[in-house]
Protein backbone atom coordinates (compact mmCIF):
# COMPACT_ATOMS: atom_id res chain seq x y z
CA MET A 1 81.28 60.63 102.97
CA ALA A 2 78.76 59.01 100.80
CA CYS A 3 78.77 58.62 97.22
CA GLY A 4 76.92 61.01 95.30
CA VAL A 5 76.80 63.68 97.89
CA PHE A 6 78.74 67.07 97.10
CA THR A 7 79.72 70.08 99.64
CA ALA A 8 80.64 73.74 98.74
CA THR A 9 84.06 74.65 99.91
CA SER A 10 86.46 77.50 99.66
CA ARG A 11 87.80 75.87 96.38
CA GLY A 12 84.62 74.84 94.91
CA TRP A 13 82.41 71.57 95.06
CA SER A 14 84.01 68.47 96.63
CA GLY A 15 82.75 65.04 96.89
CA THR A 16 82.55 61.62 95.78
CA HIS A 17 80.61 59.87 92.69
CA CYS A 18 78.89 56.91 92.69
CA PRO A 19 80.03 54.26 90.23
CA LEU A 20 77.08 54.76 87.72
CA PHE A 21 77.43 58.42 87.51
CA SER A 22 81.66 58.27 87.04
CA ASP A 23 80.76 55.97 83.86
CA LEU A 24 78.67 58.81 82.69
CA TYR A 25 81.10 61.68 83.49
CA SER A 26 82.47 63.72 80.93
CA ALA A 27 86.07 63.25 79.46
CA PRO A 28 88.51 65.09 80.92
CA THR A 29 88.86 68.12 78.06
CA SER A 30 85.40 69.41 78.55
CA CYS A 31 83.91 71.27 81.20
CA GLN A 32 80.24 69.50 80.60
CA GLY A 33 79.08 68.21 83.96
CA ARG A 34 82.12 69.17 85.75
CA CYS A 35 81.68 72.82 86.91
CA TYR A 36 83.42 73.81 90.01
CA GLU A 37 84.65 70.27 90.66
CA ALA A 38 87.31 69.32 93.31
CA PHE A 39 90.73 69.71 91.92
CA ASP A 40 92.28 66.46 90.35
CA LYS A 41 95.53 66.70 89.24
CA HIS A 42 95.15 63.61 87.11
CA HIS A 43 92.92 65.82 84.35
CA GLN A 44 94.42 67.47 81.43
CA CYS A 45 92.57 70.56 81.77
CA HIS A 46 90.44 71.66 85.09
CA CYS A 47 87.17 73.34 86.00
CA ASN A 48 87.26 73.98 89.48
CA ALA A 49 86.86 77.63 90.93
CA ARG A 50 90.71 78.74 90.91
CA CYS A 51 91.48 77.53 87.32
CA GLN A 52 91.15 80.65 86.01
CA GLU A 53 94.03 82.13 88.18
CA PHE A 54 95.93 78.90 87.21
CA GLY A 55 95.68 79.49 83.86
CA ASN A 56 94.54 75.96 83.21
CA CYS A 57 90.61 75.79 82.70
CA CYS A 58 89.62 73.70 80.10
CA LYS A 59 88.47 75.66 76.92
CA ASP A 60 85.00 75.80 77.43
CA PHE A 61 85.13 76.58 81.16
CA GLU A 62 83.77 80.10 80.49
CA SER A 63 80.93 79.08 78.07
CA LEU A 64 79.69 76.33 80.32
CA CYS A 65 80.76 77.63 83.84
CA SER A 66 80.38 81.40 83.64
CA ASP A 67 77.78 83.91 83.41
CA HIS A 68 77.48 86.38 80.46
CA GLU A 69 80.12 88.64 81.72
CA GLY A 70 82.66 85.70 82.18
CA PHE A 71 82.44 85.93 85.81
CA SER A 72 82.26 82.46 87.58
CA TYR A 73 79.19 81.41 89.67
CA SER A 74 81.47 80.09 92.57
CA SER A 75 82.12 81.46 95.86
CA ASP A 76 85.47 82.19 95.32
CA ALA A 77 84.55 84.39 91.88
CA ILE A 78 85.39 88.21 92.14
CA THR A 79 82.44 90.11 90.62
CA LYS A 80 83.31 93.40 88.44
CA GLU A 81 81.71 95.39 91.51
CA GLU A 82 84.21 93.94 93.89
CA ILE A 83 86.98 94.77 91.38
CA GLU A 84 85.87 98.40 91.34
CA SER A 85 85.35 98.46 94.99
CA ILE A 86 88.96 97.50 95.63
CA SER A 87 90.24 99.77 92.95
CA GLU A 88 89.09 102.86 94.41
CA LYS A 89 90.25 101.55 97.81
CA ILE A 90 93.69 101.26 96.27
CA TYR A 91 93.58 104.85 94.47
CA ARG A 92 92.59 106.41 97.70
CA ALA A 93 95.73 104.69 99.67
CA ASP A 94 98.48 105.58 97.01
CA THR A 95 99.71 108.49 99.65
CA ASN A 96 103.20 108.09 97.59
CA LYS A 97 101.65 109.48 94.26
CA VAL A 98 102.67 112.63 92.91
CA GLN A 99 101.06 115.95 93.83
CA LYS A 100 100.07 118.51 90.99
CA GLU A 101 103.61 120.41 91.80
CA ASP A 102 105.72 117.88 91.39
CA ILE A 103 105.40 117.51 87.81
CA VAL A 104 104.91 119.73 85.08
CA LEU A 105 103.92 118.03 81.42
CA ASN A 106 104.22 119.63 77.79
CA ARG A 107 101.78 117.34 76.27
CA GLN A 108 101.77 119.40 72.89
CA ASN A 109 100.26 117.63 69.81
CA ARG A 110 97.42 115.32 69.88
CA ILE A 111 96.79 113.08 66.83
CA SER A 112 94.30 110.77 65.96
CA PRO A 113 94.56 107.27 66.11
CA SER A 114 95.00 106.66 62.72
CA GLU A 115 97.98 108.61 62.46
CA THR A 116 100.14 106.50 65.12
CA ARG A 117 101.80 104.49 62.18
CA ASP A 118 103.00 107.78 60.47
CA ARG A 119 106.00 107.76 62.90
CA VAL A 120 106.21 111.40 62.69
CA ASP A 121 107.24 113.39 65.58
CA HIS A 122 104.60 116.32 66.35
CA CYS A 123 106.17 117.51 69.43
CA PRO A 124 109.65 119.21 69.13
CA LYS A 125 109.72 119.49 73.27
CA PRO A 126 109.95 116.70 75.94
CA LEU A 127 106.86 115.53 77.65
CA PHE A 128 108.28 116.05 81.15
CA THR A 129 109.38 119.69 81.58
CA TYR A 130 109.97 119.24 85.11
CA VAL A 131 109.97 116.23 87.57
CA ASN A 132 110.35 116.54 91.31
CA GLU A 133 113.36 114.35 91.74
CA LYS A 134 113.19 114.04 95.49
CA LEU A 135 110.28 111.53 94.90
CA PHE A 136 112.79 109.22 93.89
CA SER A 137 114.57 109.00 97.27
CA LYS A 138 111.05 107.51 98.69
CA PRO A 139 111.62 103.84 99.53
CA THR A 140 109.39 101.97 96.66
CA TYR A 141 110.62 104.51 94.28
CA ALA A 142 113.99 103.84 94.94
CA ALA A 143 113.66 100.17 94.97
CA PHE A 144 111.87 100.18 91.56
CA ILE A 145 114.42 102.29 89.70
CA ASN A 146 117.13 99.77 91.15
CA LEU A 147 115.43 97.30 88.94
CA LEU A 148 115.43 98.96 85.86
CA ASN A 149 118.95 98.62 84.80
CA ASN A 150 118.41 95.02 85.44
CA TYR A 151 117.82 93.83 81.75
CA GLN A 152 118.19 93.54 78.38
CA ARG A 153 116.09 95.19 76.35
CA VAL A 154 116.39 93.15 73.13
CA THR A 155 114.53 89.99 73.41
CA GLY A 156 116.18 86.63 72.50
CA HIS A 157 119.33 87.47 74.85
CA GLY A 158 119.06 85.74 78.12
CA GLU A 159 118.65 87.42 81.53
CA HIS A 160 121.15 86.27 83.68
CA PHE A 161 120.57 87.74 87.30
CA SER A 162 123.58 88.36 89.82
CA ALA A 163 122.82 87.85 93.54
CA GLN A 164 122.73 91.63 94.12
CA GLN A 165 119.83 92.08 91.43
CA LEU A 166 117.85 88.90 92.78
CA ALA A 167 117.98 90.74 96.29
CA GLU A 168 116.96 93.93 94.45
CA GLN A 169 113.54 91.89 93.44
CA ASP A 170 113.28 91.19 97.11
CA ALA A 171 113.83 94.45 98.25
CA PHE A 172 111.44 95.89 95.95
CA LEU A 173 108.86 93.85 97.11
CA ARG A 174 109.55 94.11 100.76
CA GLU A 175 109.06 97.80 100.47
CA ILE A 176 106.02 97.77 98.49
CA MET A 177 104.38 95.50 101.08
CA LYS A 178 104.59 97.91 103.61
CA THR A 179 102.33 100.36 101.99
CA ALA A 180 98.91 100.96 102.32
CA VAL A 181 98.09 100.24 98.88
CA MET A 182 99.11 96.65 98.87
CA LYS A 183 97.91 95.86 102.12
CA GLU A 184 94.79 96.76 100.70
CA LEU A 185 95.30 94.52 97.81
CA TYR A 186 96.72 91.72 100.08
CA SER A 187 93.29 91.98 102.49
CA PHE A 188 91.15 92.02 99.54
CA LEU A 189 92.66 88.84 97.65
CA HIS A 190 93.08 86.73 101.09
CA HIS A 191 89.12 87.89 101.79
CA GLN A 192 88.58 86.20 98.44
CA ASN A 193 90.43 82.94 99.55
CA ARG A 194 93.13 83.82 96.72
CA TYR A 195 96.29 83.30 99.25
CA GLY A 196 96.57 81.92 102.57
CA SER A 197 99.12 83.83 104.16
CA GLU A 198 100.93 87.41 103.10
CA GLN A 199 104.39 85.29 102.20
CA GLU A 200 101.82 83.32 99.99
CA PHE A 201 100.98 86.54 98.08
CA ILE A 202 104.52 87.68 98.08
CA ASP A 203 106.07 84.63 96.54
CA ASP A 204 103.45 84.58 93.89
CA LEU A 205 104.04 88.02 93.25
CA LYS A 206 108.04 87.39 92.68
CA ASN A 207 107.18 84.26 90.30
CA MET A 208 104.47 86.13 88.05
CA TRP A 209 106.44 89.27 87.36
CA PHE A 210 109.70 88.51 88.05
CA GLY A 211 110.38 84.86 86.87
CA LEU A 212 111.68 84.56 83.39
CA TYR A 213 110.69 82.92 80.15
CA SER A 214 111.25 82.86 76.48
CA ARG A 215 110.06 85.54 73.84
CA GLY A 216 112.98 84.93 71.63
CA LYS A 217 115.24 81.92 70.64
CA GLU A 218 117.32 82.22 73.96
CA GLU A 219 115.88 80.34 77.19
CA GLY A 220 114.86 83.09 79.71
CA ASP A 221 115.14 86.35 78.04
CA SER A 222 111.92 88.30 79.31
CA SER A 223 109.87 88.44 82.13
CA GLY A 224 106.43 90.32 83.00
CA PHE A 225 108.45 93.05 85.05
CA GLU A 226 110.75 93.71 82.47
CA HIS A 227 107.75 93.74 79.62
CA VAL A 228 105.60 96.26 81.46
CA PHE A 229 107.73 98.43 83.44
CA SER A 230 111.33 98.70 81.82
CA GLY A 231 110.31 97.49 78.24
CA GLU A 232 111.59 95.65 75.33
CA VAL A 233 112.32 95.72 71.79
CA LYS A 234 111.65 92.79 69.75
CA LYS A 235 111.43 92.63 65.52
CA GLY A 236 112.72 95.95 65.54
CA LYS A 237 109.57 97.31 67.63
CA VAL A 238 109.48 98.71 71.08
CA THR A 239 107.00 96.20 73.32
CA GLY A 240 105.78 96.94 76.72
CA PHE A 241 107.36 100.05 78.51
CA HIS A 242 104.24 101.50 80.23
CA ASN A 243 106.07 102.92 82.91
CA TRP A 244 106.38 106.89 83.28
CA ILE A 245 109.30 106.87 85.58
CA ARG A 246 111.19 104.81 83.17
CA PHE A 247 109.82 107.16 80.31
CA TYR A 248 111.36 110.42 82.26
CA LEU A 249 114.85 108.83 83.06
CA GLN A 250 115.48 107.39 79.51
CA GLU A 251 114.11 110.87 78.22
CA LYS A 252 116.13 112.61 80.37
CA GLU A 253 119.12 110.70 79.06
CA GLY A 254 118.52 111.49 75.50
CA LEU A 255 117.22 108.13 74.67
CA VAL A 256 113.67 108.69 74.51
CA ASP A 257 111.97 111.29 72.05
CA TYR A 258 108.30 112.10 72.60
CA TYR A 259 106.35 112.35 69.53
CA SER A 260 102.87 112.66 69.96
CA TYR A 261 99.89 111.43 72.36
CA ILE A 262 96.29 110.14 71.39
CA LEU A 263 94.44 109.96 74.66
CA ASP A 264 94.53 111.94 78.06
CA GLY A 265 92.78 110.64 80.98
CA PRO A 266 89.93 112.94 82.55
CA TRP A 267 91.69 113.05 86.21
CA ASP A 268 92.74 116.71 86.95
CA SER A 269 95.10 115.33 89.36
CA TYR A 270 97.64 112.50 89.62
CA PRO A 271 97.65 109.78 88.80
CA ASP A 272 96.66 110.28 85.32
CA VAL A 273 96.90 108.44 82.21
CA LEU A 274 98.27 109.17 78.86
CA ALA A 275 98.54 106.92 75.50
CA MET A 276 101.76 108.38 73.79
CA GLN A 277 103.70 107.79 70.50
CA PHE A 278 107.35 107.89 71.11
CA ASN A 279 111.04 106.80 69.71
CA TRP A 280 113.25 104.87 72.04
CA ASP A 281 117.11 104.96 71.00
CA GLY A 282 116.01 104.26 67.67
CA TYR A 283 113.13 102.02 68.10
CA TYR A 284 109.31 103.09 67.38
CA LYS A 285 106.57 102.63 69.98
CA GLU A 286 103.18 102.96 68.21
CA VAL A 287 100.86 103.68 71.26
CA GLY A 288 102.27 103.22 74.64
CA SER A 289 99.71 103.97 77.49
CA ALA A 290 100.88 104.68 80.95
CA PHE A 291 99.83 106.07 84.42
CA ILE A 292 101.19 109.62 84.80
CA GLY A 293 102.34 110.58 88.38
CA SER A 294 101.48 107.25 90.20
CA SER A 295 103.69 105.43 92.88
CA PRO A 296 105.26 102.19 91.54
CA GLU A 297 103.23 100.11 94.17
CA PHE A 298 99.92 101.71 92.82
CA GLU A 299 100.66 100.65 89.12
CA PHE A 300 102.08 97.35 90.49
CA ALA A 301 98.93 96.57 92.86
CA LEU A 302 96.35 97.24 89.90
CA TYR A 303 98.21 95.25 87.08
CA SER A 304 98.57 92.10 89.81
CA LEU A 305 94.53 92.53 90.62
CA CYS A 306 93.69 92.57 87.06
CA PHE A 307 96.16 89.72 86.55
CA ILE A 308 94.98 87.58 89.21
CA ALA A 309 91.16 88.58 88.88
CA ARG A 310 90.71 88.42 85.01
CA PRO A 311 93.95 86.58 83.50
CA GLY A 312 93.91 87.17 79.66
CA LYS A 313 91.23 89.69 79.57
CA VAL A 314 89.80 93.03 79.81
CA CYS A 315 89.92 94.13 83.83
CA GLN A 316 87.17 97.19 84.20
CA LEU A 317 88.46 99.49 87.33
CA SER A 318 87.06 102.75 88.98
CA LEU A 319 89.35 105.47 90.15
CA GLY A 320 88.62 108.31 91.61
CA GLY A 321 84.79 107.90 90.20
CA TYR A 322 86.34 107.51 86.44
CA PRO A 323 86.28 104.05 84.62
CA LEU A 324 89.81 102.72 83.61
CA ALA A 325 89.97 99.18 81.77
CA ILE A 326 93.30 97.20 81.98
CA GLN A 327 94.09 94.30 79.46
CA THR A 328 96.51 91.46 80.63
CA TYR A 329 97.97 88.46 78.90
CA THR A 330 99.24 85.21 80.04
CA TRP A 331 102.21 83.67 78.82
CA ASP A 332 101.21 80.39 77.68
CA ASN A 333 104.27 78.68 76.71
CA SER A 334 105.60 78.21 80.20
CA THR A 335 104.35 78.16 83.71
CA TYR A 336 105.37 78.02 87.43
CA GLY A 337 104.37 76.42 90.56
CA ASN A 338 101.33 74.01 89.88
CA GLY A 339 100.75 75.23 86.52
CA LYS A 340 100.44 79.06 87.30
CA LYS A 341 101.21 81.20 84.69
CA TYR A 342 103.59 84.11 84.14
CA ILE A 343 102.25 87.48 83.28
CA ALA A 344 103.28 88.25 79.55
CA THR A 345 101.85 91.70 79.73
CA ALA A 346 99.22 94.50 81.24
CA TYR A 347 98.39 97.48 80.12
CA ILE A 348 95.73 100.24 80.10
CA VAL A 349 93.28 99.97 76.95
CA SER A 350 90.77 102.82 77.79
CA SER A 351 89.83 105.47 80.56
CA THR A 352 86.52 106.09 79.11
């Protein structure tokens, strides 16, 4: 290819610079003049079409290479409309979701956001009056529940998985990939040039969700899955813990005491959304948002979609015609693969 000639590819722009242009080219710490260039491993930070996915963009990538909503112009960019469309498809595909008769909730007393720090128990009765536990024999539910007792909830204590526990991670991924929900997500991301094969997708999910990193002093004491779905305790406070199944099982054992709620989603069927306050065996959760009545694969799919498409940002979804926003954060202190970042957390921030 002649120097100075560039062509569009699925991963951005590729080509060769003329020597004179190279002399004038910006320093590799900025995206000035580098938007959607081909990936170069020698650069300190990157401006290619997938740098947001890998979490290694230069600090000025968004201001120089994105439009006003933060979405890149590249052919690999995922638009807000595409995210809303695929989230609706995932919503419709969740055939394992709870039916109305499977859950009886007792929401009791709603408080204002200004009262969440008071730590007052406004609800004398449990949140869950009834759950049809036959749900938990479904393959994805059973595989999910098997994972919940594999963690030490207090950060600073390293996680050490047995061969059986590692096999349970693989079993969970295997079961959810059989579902229409995850097939929809993979098909969408494959079409968006994010993954070349289903196995590549599964391997990345395992790393981003189950890969260990350090929130405390000890090496490998946390993961995205532990934080989001199982819950952790750090500096005397509950962090993460955004899953209704985990909540129900812990409440059933007398380990969770439901205090109040501040937000109830607009859906009149499941899955719904609830933002609540609770005590987890001596530790308080000021605001814990969670889907209620969703299948494990549904939550896993939406959090994964948002982390892949909008890492570290608010991700706007549409579920049954209602808007929903999910915030994700990347773990910036360690990486896997070719500089990819782990999930630090993902949670619902709004349903209006």
